[in-house]
Protein backbone atom coordinates (compact mmCIF):
# COMPACT_ATOMS: atom_id res chain seq x y z
CA MET A 1 -47.51 27.36 30.49
CA TYR A 2 -43.78 27.87 31.21
CA ARG A 3 -42.34 25.33 33.66
CA ARG A 4 -38.71 26.44 33.31
CA ILE A 5 -37.40 29.82 32.21
CA LEU A 6 -33.75 30.04 31.12
CA VAL A 7 -32.00 33.37 31.71
CA PRO A 8 -28.51 33.58 30.14
CA LEU A 9 -26.29 36.10 31.91
CA ASP A 10 -22.86 37.35 30.88
CA GLY A 11 -21.95 38.98 34.17
CA SER A 12 -23.00 42.48 33.14
CA ASP A 13 -25.62 44.77 34.65
CA PHE A 14 -26.98 45.05 31.13
CA ALA A 15 -27.74 41.31 30.90
CA GLU A 16 -29.42 41.42 34.30
CA ARG A 17 -32.14 43.65 32.83
CA ALA A 18 -33.79 40.42 31.74
CA LEU A 19 -34.26 39.27 35.34
CA PRO A 20 -37.36 41.34 36.27
CA HIS A 21 -39.10 40.06 33.14
CA ALA A 22 -38.21 36.45 33.96
CA GLU A 23 -39.36 36.98 37.55
CA ALA A 24 -42.73 38.37 36.44
CA LEU A 25 -43.31 35.38 34.15
CA ALA A 26 -42.09 32.90 36.77
CA ARG A 27 -44.44 34.36 39.36
CA ARG A 28 -47.36 34.23 36.91
CA PHE A 29 -46.76 30.63 35.83
CA SER A 30 -45.07 29.24 38.99
CA SER A 31 -41.98 28.54 36.88
CA GLU A 32 -38.51 27.54 37.90
CA ILE A 33 -35.83 30.06 36.87
CA LEU A 34 -32.56 28.73 35.48
CA LEU A 35 -29.74 31.26 35.60
CA LEU A 36 -27.03 30.38 33.08
CA ARG A 37 -23.51 31.75 32.87
CA VAL A 38 -21.59 30.58 29.81
CA GLU A 39 -17.81 30.77 30.02
CA GLU A 40 -16.37 31.26 26.57
CA PRO A 41 -13.41 29.14 25.47
CA ILE A 42 -9.96 30.52 25.96
CA PRO A 43 -7.90 29.90 22.80
CA GLY A 44 -5.62 26.92 23.34
CA VAL A 45 -7.23 25.89 26.65
CA GLY A 46 -9.55 22.91 26.71
CA GLU A 47 -12.47 22.58 29.11
CA ALA A 48 -10.55 20.15 31.34
CA ARG A 49 -7.80 22.76 31.82
CA TYR A 50 -10.16 25.71 32.15
CA PRO A 51 -9.02 27.88 35.05
CA GLU A 52 -10.81 26.91 38.25
CA GLU A 53 -10.88 30.54 39.39
CA VAL A 54 -12.99 31.40 36.32
CA ARG A 55 -15.52 28.70 37.23
CA GLU A 56 -15.56 29.83 40.85
CA ALA A 57 -16.09 33.46 39.85
CA ALA A 58 -19.03 32.42 37.66
CA HIS A 59 -20.60 30.49 40.55
CA ARG A 60 -20.07 33.43 42.93
CA TYR A 61 -21.70 35.77 40.44
CA LEU A 62 -24.75 33.54 40.03
CA SER A 63 -25.02 32.88 43.77
CA ARG A 64 -25.28 36.63 44.32
CA LEU A 65 -28.36 36.60 42.08
CA VAL A 66 -29.86 33.29 43.25
CA GLU A 67 -30.17 34.09 46.95
CA PRO A 68 -32.44 37.15 46.61
CA LEU A 69 -34.67 35.19 44.24
CA ARG A 70 -34.97 32.33 46.73
CA LEU A 71 -35.77 34.80 49.51
CA ARG A 72 -38.68 35.96 47.34
CA SER A 73 -39.86 32.33 47.07
CA PHE A 74 -38.72 31.63 43.52
CA ARG A 75 -37.50 28.18 42.57
CA VAL A 76 -34.13 28.87 40.99
CA ARG A 77 -31.05 26.98 39.85
CA GLU A 78 -27.68 28.20 38.72
CA LEU A 79 -25.82 26.65 35.81
CA VAL A 80 -22.26 27.34 34.68
CA GLU A 81 -21.33 25.96 31.28
CA TYR A 82 -18.32 26.15 28.98
CA GLY A 83 -18.58 26.88 25.26
CA GLU A 84 -19.67 29.23 22.53
CA PRO A 85 -22.52 31.27 24.06
CA ALA A 86 -25.35 30.85 21.51
CA GLU A 87 -24.70 27.14 20.97
CA THR A 88 -24.42 26.53 24.70
CA ILE A 89 -27.63 28.43 25.48
CA LEU A 90 -29.51 26.36 22.91
CA ARG A 91 -28.02 23.11 24.20
CA VAL A 92 -28.80 23.91 27.83
CA MET A 93 -32.32 24.95 26.87
CA GLU A 94 -32.94 21.49 25.43
CA GLU A 95 -31.12 19.53 28.13
CA ALA A 96 -32.77 21.39 31.01
CA GLY A 97 -36.22 21.30 29.44
CA ALA A 98 -36.58 25.09 29.41
CA ASP A 99 -39.83 26.30 27.87
CA LEU A 100 -38.69 29.90 27.39
CA VAL A 101 -35.49 31.92 27.16
CA VAL A 102 -35.49 35.47 28.52
CA MET A 103 -32.41 37.47 27.63
CA ALA A 104 -31.25 41.02 27.11
CA THR A 105 -30.22 42.24 23.70
CA HIS A 106 -27.74 45.02 23.00
CA ALA A 107 -29.86 46.12 20.02
CA ARG A 108 -26.79 46.82 17.95
CA ALA A 109 -27.13 47.55 14.26
CA GLY A 110 -24.87 48.12 11.31
CA LEU A 111 -21.18 47.23 11.28
CA PRO A 112 -20.76 46.37 14.99
CA ARG A 113 -23.43 43.70 14.67
CA LEU A 114 -22.08 42.47 11.34
CA PHE A 115 -18.60 41.91 12.74
CA THR A 116 -19.42 40.72 16.25
CA GLY A 117 -22.65 38.84 15.53
CA SER A 118 -25.43 38.69 18.01
CA VAL A 119 -25.82 35.90 20.52
CA ALA A 120 -29.43 36.92 21.07
CA GLU A 121 -30.17 36.87 17.35
CA ARG A 122 -28.59 33.44 16.89
CA VAL A 123 -30.58 32.05 19.83
CA LEU A 124 -33.77 33.60 18.48
CA ARG A 125 -33.24 32.18 14.98
CA SER A 126 -32.26 28.68 16.11
CA SER A 127 -34.50 28.08 19.11
CA ARG A 128 -37.43 25.71 18.89
CA LYS A 129 -38.91 27.36 21.97
CA PRO A 130 -40.04 30.97 22.56
CA VAL A 131 -37.38 33.60 23.20
CA LEU A 132 -38.19 36.90 24.91
CA LEU A 133 -35.61 39.55 24.03
CA VAL A 134 -35.42 42.46 26.44
CA PRO A 135 -34.20 45.65 24.70
CA PRO A 136 -31.73 48.03 26.37
CA ASN A 137 -34.35 50.61 27.33
CA ALA A 138 -36.79 48.13 28.91
């Protein structure tokens, strides 16, 4: 049912709470897991001039997660992209042919959500594919 599962990660332990859920689905459906780290734009710095150390840190972070998954026989790829997180997640989902997005949500409400927006909510509202949101207490 799900050939590719996209898991956006922001580098936090919180975001990694989505991984066990993605693993369970990937095991059930023999899916490939795509781990995505989106590097947000730095004001005044274009993608071509984006600091190489930031890209390298993102790859190191994902590699730390990829290896244990491979040792447990999962097919997994790491992707590092540059851009606004929600837009980039949606673009990568289409380009990579992901059938499902599994991501953590901060479950914010009220003014913090109004002012900061919610990447998870924007992905959920705009995605043409299923999105599994993992709440903070899952």
